[in-house]
């Protein structure tokens, strides 16, 4: 009967208290999310996990609001011990935000394992744990397949990129997204996938941060597509809404600022070099070797040519999401 009453609650219903496990808590998003949720009266205790030792900046969070635990979710024993630990039981965790994902297209088997196997193992553990009823996964707009005939705005039903020649990092994103999606009909845990556009800002290890800081910014000759940039405050807003509202499903999350690549490059004071498409990959490889960029062109080959913005109307309607942050460049 208790489960039936829970299912009958309206979609906008807010939970009274959220005790939240945050993986990848030492990322920029994790740090900002902890700071925000620690001041939210609807949140009880936050349990943050990451592979390294506790960073100094978490020392300012009251210990009754935030607990840090060192854990490598790739190691089955460590993951199991986390869920069986006294810390986990005492914090009475009922929600999980999964941020432990390599945000840069760094190569290697460990990166792939973290992105895909780490997501799968964590989600399975959550589904096996009766006290957990919400799982929020931060995904990305790179999961969408970009084609010349795409509509300017892509909704959540747009085709995903299953191209076997796609960059491995894109494949990892798609695989992790699909793992979460495959369990979305689970009646015990409400799974929310947030497909976010290009996050940019200080201390963000993201593609477009690296792109606009490249020396020079290289772009595909003959193309100047529109791109949308997402402010950190809207990343935190979207995750918080996904946690608090009695919802599940997939939601596109975009920002306020949309402009052509060259406009954002000008605002950043960047020099732009337009090159023929066949030489972009080797030039980008040389830039990385010389330390002139951390950007990976292989991830954004299509995004360099075709405008594909996110339709965020579902997030606005169901979550109540409203982008507020304006992008400011400093140079």
Protein backbone atom coordinates (compact mmCIF):
# COMPACT_ATOMS: atom_id res chain seq x y z
CA UNK A 1 0.00 0.00 0.00
CA UNK A 2 2.83 2.38 0.77
CA UNK A 3 4.26 1.88 -2.71
CA UNK A 4 0.84 2.52 -4.29
CA UNK A 5 0.49 5.78 -2.39
CA UNK A 6 3.94 6.86 -3.53
CA UNK A 7 3.10 6.19 -7.16
CA UNK A 8 -0.08 8.21 -6.86
CA UNK A 9 1.75 11.40 -5.90
CA UNK A 10 1.52 14.15 -8.52
CA UNK A 11 4.47 14.78 -10.83
CA UNK A 12 5.34 18.13 -9.25
CA UNK A 13 5.46 16.77 -5.71
CA UNK A 14 8.58 17.62 -3.69
CA UNK A 15 10.23 15.20 -1.31
CA UNK A 16 10.52 16.34 2.31
CA UNK A 17 14.14 15.37 2.90
CA UNK A 18 16.81 14.23 0.49
CA UNK A 19 19.93 12.47 1.70
CA UNK A 20 22.18 12.38 -1.33
CA UNK A 21 25.15 10.29 -2.44
CA UNK A 22 27.24 12.24 -4.99
CA UNK A 23 29.86 10.36 -7.02
CA UNK A 24 32.66 12.34 -8.62
CA UNK A 25 32.15 14.91 -5.89
CA UNK A 26 35.59 16.50 -6.42
CA UNK A 27 34.67 17.67 -9.93
CA UNK A 28 33.72 21.31 -10.43
CA UNK A 29 30.07 20.32 -10.70
CA UNK A 30 30.33 18.17 -7.57
CA UNK A 31 31.93 20.96 -5.57
CA UNK A 32 29.30 23.50 -6.64
CA UNK A 33 26.48 21.02 -6.06
CA UNK A 34 27.62 20.30 -2.50
CA UNK A 35 27.86 24.01 -1.70
CA UNK A 36 24.35 24.56 -3.04
CA UNK A 37 22.63 21.53 -1.50
CA UNK A 38 24.28 22.05 1.89
CA UNK A 39 22.23 25.25 2.14
CA UNK A 40 18.97 23.68 0.97
CA UNK A 41 16.49 23.00 3.81
CA UNK A 42 15.03 20.08 1.84
CA UNK A 43 18.38 18.29 2.02
CA UNK A 44 19.46 16.33 5.07
CA UNK A 45 22.94 14.82 4.64
CA UNK A 46 25.29 14.71 1.64
CA UNK A 47 27.69 11.80 1.19
CA UNK A 48 30.39 12.66 -1.33
CA UNK A 49 32.68 10.02 -2.83
CA UNK A 50 35.74 10.19 -5.06
CA UNK A 51 38.98 8.27 -5.56
CA UNK A 52 41.29 10.82 -3.95
CA UNK A 53 41.64 12.14 -0.44
CA UNK A 54 39.21 14.75 0.85
CA UNK A 55 40.02 18.16 -0.72
CA UNK A 56 40.56 21.13 1.58
CA UNK A 57 37.64 23.10 0.15
CA UNK A 58 35.12 20.71 1.69
CA UNK A 59 36.37 21.55 5.19
CA UNK A 60 34.07 24.60 5.22
CA UNK A 61 30.96 22.42 4.94
CA UNK A 62 29.52 21.50 8.38
CA UNK A 63 30.22 17.80 9.12
CA UNK A 64 26.59 17.20 10.03
CA UNK A 65 25.68 18.26 6.47
CA UNK A 66 28.48 16.70 4.44
CA UNK A 67 30.46 13.47 4.81
CA UNK A 68 33.33 12.55 2.50
CA UNK A 69 34.41 8.99 1.78
CA UNK A 70 37.25 7.82 -0.43
CA UNK A 71 35.97 5.19 -2.86
CA UNK A 72 36.82 3.89 -6.31
CA UNK A 73 33.49 2.83 -7.80
CA UNK A 74 35.36 0.77 -10.43
CA UNK A 75 36.41 -1.67 -7.75
CA UNK A 76 33.47 -3.99 -6.90
CA UNK A 77 34.68 -4.56 -3.35
CA UNK A 78 34.97 -0.83 -2.63
CA UNK A 79 31.56 -0.15 -4.14
CA UNK A 80 29.98 -2.96 -2.14
CA UNK A 81 31.67 -1.79 1.06
CA UNK A 82 30.41 1.75 0.48
CA UNK A 83 26.79 0.60 0.39
CA UNK A 84 27.31 -1.67 3.42
CA UNK A 85 29.24 0.89 5.43
CA UNK A 86 28.14 2.44 8.70
CA UNK A 87 28.51 5.86 7.04
CA UNK A 88 26.03 4.93 4.31
CA UNK A 89 23.52 3.55 6.81
CA UNK A 90 23.79 6.48 9.20
CA UNK A 91 23.33 9.06 6.45
CA UNK A 92 20.17 7.24 5.34
CA UNK A 93 20.86 7.80 1.65
CA UNK A 94 17.77 7.87 -0.58
CA UNK A 95 19.08 9.65 -3.69
CA UNK A 96 22.15 9.41 -5.93
CA UNK A 97 23.71 11.92 -8.30
CA UNK A 98 26.24 10.27 -10.61
CA UNK A 99 28.97 12.68 -11.75
CA UNK A 100 31.94 10.26 -11.84
CA UNK A 101 32.52 10.49 -15.58
CA UNK A 102 35.68 11.51 -17.43
CA UNK A 103 34.79 14.96 -18.75
CA UNK A 104 37.68 15.12 -21.19
CA UNK A 105 38.16 12.67 -24.07
CA UNK A 106 41.26 11.15 -22.46
CA UNK A 107 42.10 7.79 -23.97
CA UNK A 108 42.65 4.53 -22.13
CA UNK A 109 40.88 1.46 -20.82
CA UNK A 110 40.43 2.92 -17.33
CA UNK A 111 38.59 5.89 -18.80
CA UNK A 112 36.20 3.61 -20.70
CA UNK A 113 35.67 1.45 -17.60
CA UNK A 114 34.86 4.49 -15.45
CA UNK A 115 32.46 5.93 -18.00
CA UNK A 116 30.54 2.78 -18.88
CA UNK A 117 31.19 -0.01 -16.39
CA UNK A 118 31.28 2.41 -13.46
CA UNK A 119 27.87 3.79 -14.42
CA UNK A 120 26.43 0.29 -14.91
CA UNK A 121 27.76 -1.12 -11.62
CA UNK A 122 26.67 1.91 -9.59
CA UNK A 123 23.17 1.89 -11.05
CA UNK A 124 22.77 -1.84 -10.43
CA UNK A 125 23.84 -1.34 -6.83
CA UNK A 126 21.28 1.43 -6.43
CA UNK A 127 18.54 -0.74 -7.86
CA UNK A 128 19.42 -3.45 -5.33
CA UNK A 129 19.29 -1.01 -2.39
CA UNK A 130 15.73 -0.58 -1.04
CA UNK A 131 16.27 2.85 0.51
CA UNK A 132 17.26 4.51 -2.80
CA UNK A 133 14.41 5.89 -4.87
CA UNK A 134 16.11 8.47 -7.13
CA UNK A 135 19.11 8.23 -9.49
CA UNK A 136 20.22 11.30 -11.45
CA UNK A 137 22.77 10.92 -14.25
CA UNK A 138 24.44 13.92 -15.86
CA UNK A 139 24.66 13.09 -19.54
CA UNK A 140 25.62 15.26 -22.51
CA UNK A 141 24.31 16.51 -25.83
CA UNK A 142 27.16 14.70 -27.60
CA UNK A 143 24.97 11.57 -27.49
CA UNK A 144 22.89 12.99 -30.36
CA UNK A 145 23.69 12.18 -33.97
CA UNK A 146 24.31 15.37 -35.94
CA UNK A 147 23.43 15.38 -39.63
CA UNK A 148 23.06 18.12 -42.27
CA UNK A 149 19.26 17.71 -42.35
CA UNK A 150 18.73 17.77 -38.58
CA UNK A 151 16.24 20.30 -37.26
CA UNK A 152 17.88 23.27 -35.54
CA UNK A 153 16.49 22.11 -32.19
CA UNK A 154 16.74 18.49 -31.05
CA UNK A 155 14.26 17.07 -28.56
CA UNK A 156 14.77 14.05 -26.32
CA UNK A 157 13.54 11.67 -29.04
CA UNK A 158 16.23 12.66 -31.55
CA UNK A 159 18.49 9.92 -32.91
CA UNK A 160 21.52 8.97 -30.83
CA UNK A 161 24.97 8.60 -32.31
CA UNK A 162 25.57 4.88 -32.86
CA UNK A 163 28.14 5.51 -35.61
CA UNK A 164 30.88 2.86 -35.20
CA UNK A 165 33.46 5.43 -36.35
CA UNK A 166 32.52 7.94 -33.64
CA UNK A 167 35.13 8.98 -31.10
CA UNK A 168 35.41 6.51 -28.20
CA UNK A 169 34.45 9.22 -25.70
CA UNK A 170 31.21 9.81 -27.61
CA UNK A 171 30.54 6.06 -27.66
CA UNK A 172 31.08 5.95 -23.89
CA UNK A 173 28.57 8.76 -23.43
CA UNK A 174 26.00 6.98 -25.57
CA UNK A 175 26.58 3.64 -23.83
CA UNK A 176 26.25 5.12 -20.34
CA UNK A 177 23.14 7.05 -21.36
CA UNK A 178 21.60 3.86 -22.79
CA UNK A 179 22.42 1.87 -19.64
CA UNK A 180 20.47 4.38 -17.55
CA UNK A 181 17.68 4.51 -20.11
CA UNK A 182 17.32 0.72 -20.15
CA UNK A 183 16.33 0.71 -16.45
CA UNK A 184 14.00 3.70 -16.65
CA UNK A 185 10.85 1.59 -16.26
CA UNK A 186 11.99 0.41 -12.83
CA UNK A 187 9.16 1.03 -10.35
CA UNK A 188 11.44 1.32 -7.33
CA UNK A 189 13.99 3.91 -8.47
CA UNK A 190 13.12 7.01 -10.49
CA UNK A 191 15.94 7.48 -13.01
CA UNK A 192 16.57 10.93 -14.47
CA UNK A 193 18.95 11.56 -17.37
CA UNK A 194 20.01 15.19 -17.88
CA UNK A 195 21.47 15.72 -21.35
CA UNK A 196 23.36 18.97 -20.99
CA UNK A 197 24.73 21.25 -23.64
CA UNK A 198 28.25 22.72 -23.51
CA UNK A 199 29.15 23.68 -19.93
CA UNK A 200 31.60 26.53 -19.72
CA UNK A 201 33.13 28.52 -16.89
CA UNK A 202 36.04 28.70 -14.46
CA UNK A 203 37.68 25.42 -13.49
CA UNK A 204 35.44 23.45 -15.87
CA UNK A 205 37.23 20.62 -17.65
CA UNK A 206 35.04 20.61 -20.72
CA UNK A 207 35.41 20.52 -24.47
CA UNK A 208 34.26 24.07 -25.14
CA UNK A 209 36.30 25.61 -22.33
CA UNK A 210 39.33 23.97 -23.93
CA UNK A 211 38.17 24.94 -27.41
CA UNK A 212 37.84 28.68 -26.82
CA UNK A 213 41.15 28.73 -24.92
CA UNK A 214 42.98 27.10 -27.85
CA UNK A 215 45.83 28.99 -29.47
CA UNK A 216 44.47 29.51 -32.05
CA UNK A 217 40.83 28.41 -32.16
CA UNK A 218 40.50 26.27 -35.28
CA UNK A 219 37.21 25.87 -37.10
CA UNK A 220 35.95 24.17 -40.24
CA UNK A 221 36.29 26.43 -43.27
CA UNK A 222 32.91 27.44 -44.72
CA UNK A 223 30.98 26.72 -41.51
CA UNK A 224 30.09 28.82 -38.49
CA UNK A 225 27.35 26.94 -36.62
CA UNK A 226 25.41 28.22 -33.65
CA UNK A 227 26.41 26.75 -30.29
CA UNK A 228 24.71 27.03 -26.92
CA UNK A 229 26.69 27.47 -23.70
CA UNK A 230 25.51 26.45 -20.24
CA UNK A 231 26.38 28.31 -17.03
CA UNK A 232 27.31 26.39 -13.90
CA UNK A 233 24.41 27.87 -11.93
CA UNK A 234 22.00 26.29 -14.44
CA UNK A 235 23.77 22.94 -14.22
CA UNK A 236 23.17 23.02 -10.46
CA UNK A 237 19.60 24.24 -10.92
CA UNK A 238 18.78 21.33 -13.26
CA UNK A 239 20.31 18.68 -10.99
CA UNK A 240 18.53 20.10 -7.94
CA UNK A 241 15.16 20.11 -9.71
CA UNK A 242 15.71 16.53 -10.90
CA UNK A 243 16.46 15.51 -7.31
CA UNK A 244 13.60 17.31 -5.62
CA UNK A 245 10.72 16.70 -7.99
CA UNK A 246 8.87 13.41 -8.22
CA UNK A 247 9.85 12.83 -11.83
CA UNK A 248 11.78 10.45 -14.01
CA UNK A 249 12.81 10.43 -17.66
CA UNK A 250 15.17 12.23 -20.03
CA UNK A 251 15.52 16.01 -20.10
CA UNK A 252 17.54 18.31 -22.34
CA UNK A 253 19.26 21.12 -20.44
CA UNK A 254 20.47 24.21 -22.30
CA UNK A 255 21.63 27.70 -21.41
CA UNK A 256 20.62 31.26 -22.20
CA UNK A 257 23.45 32.14 -24.57
CA UNK A 258 23.44 30.99 -28.19
CA UNK A 259 25.71 32.45 -30.87
CA UNK A 260 27.99 31.40 -33.73
CA UNK A 261 31.38 29.94 -32.82
CA UNK A 262 33.18 33.07 -34.01
CA UNK A 263 31.09 35.35 -31.79
CA UNK A 264 32.02 33.44 -28.63
CA UNK A 265 35.65 33.28 -29.78
CA UNK A 266 35.67 37.08 -30.23
CA UNK A 267 34.17 37.57 -26.76
CA UNK A 268 36.96 35.40 -25.37
CA UNK A 269 39.60 37.39 -27.24
CA UNK A 270 40.60 34.30 -29.20
CA UNK A 271 42.23 34.18 -32.60
CA UNK A 272 40.21 32.05 -35.04
CA UNK A 273 41.78 30.12 -37.89
CA UNK A 274 39.49 28.56 -40.52
CA UNK A 275 40.96 25.44 -42.10
CA UNK A 276 39.81 22.88 -44.67
CA UNK A 277 38.15 19.92 -42.97
CA UNK A 278 40.73 17.27 -44.05
CA UNK A 279 43.57 18.98 -42.15
CA UNK A 280 41.70 19.86 -38.94
CA UNK A 281 42.44 16.54 -37.24
CA UNK A 282 46.24 16.63 -37.79
CA UNK A 283 46.42 20.32 -36.86
CA UNK A 284 44.48 19.65 -33.66
CA UNK A 285 46.80 16.71 -32.87
CA UNK A 286 49.82 19.01 -33.30
CA UNK A 287 48.23 21.67 -31.08
CA UNK A 288 47.76 19.13 -28.30
CA UNK A 289 51.32 17.87 -28.67
CA UNK A 290 52.64 21.45 -28.39
CA UNK A 291 50.45 22.22 -25.38
CA UNK A 292 48.39 24.79 -27.29
CA UNK A 293 45.06 23.16 -26.52
CA UNK A 294 43.30 20.42 -24.55
CA UNK A 295 40.51 20.30 -27.13
CA UNK A 296 39.75 17.11 -29.09
CA UNK A 297 38.46 17.87 -32.58
CA UNK A 298 37.54 14.19 -33.08
CA UNK A 299 34.64 14.60 -30.64
CA UNK A 300 33.17 17.63 -32.41
CA UNK A 301 33.66 16.96 -36.14
CA UNK A 302 29.95 17.31 -36.86
CA UNK A 303 29.34 19.98 -34.24
CA UNK A 304 31.92 22.10 -36.05
CA UNK A 305 29.66 22.09 -39.10
CA UNK A 306 26.00 21.67 -38.15
CA UNK A 307 23.83 23.68 -35.81
CA UNK A 308 22.09 21.38 -33.37
CA UNK A 309 20.66 23.12 -30.33
CA UNK A 310 18.70 21.44 -27.56
CA UNK A 311 14.94 21.80 -27.25
CA UNK A 312 14.53 22.36 -23.49
CA UNK A 313 10.74 22.75 -23.49
CA UNK A 314 10.21 19.44 -21.66
CA UNK A 315 12.58 20.46 -18.84
CA UNK A 316 10.84 23.82 -18.62
CA UNK A 317 7.39 22.24 -18.51
CA UNK A 318 8.02 19.24 -16.23
CA UNK A 319 10.97 20.28 -14.07
CA UNK A 320 10.26 23.99 -13.97
CA UNK A 321 13.76 24.60 -15.33
CA UNK A 322 14.54 28.15 -16.45
CA UNK A 323 18.08 29.07 -17.53
CA UNK A 324 19.38 32.18 -15.77
CA UNK A 325 23.15 32.30 -16.09
CA UNK A 326 24.87 34.57 -18.61
CA UNK A 327 28.27 33.53 -19.95
CA UNK A 328 31.08 35.95 -19.20
CA UNK A 329 34.53 35.53 -20.71
CA UNK A 330 37.65 36.89 -19.05
CA UNK A 331 40.85 37.39 -21.03
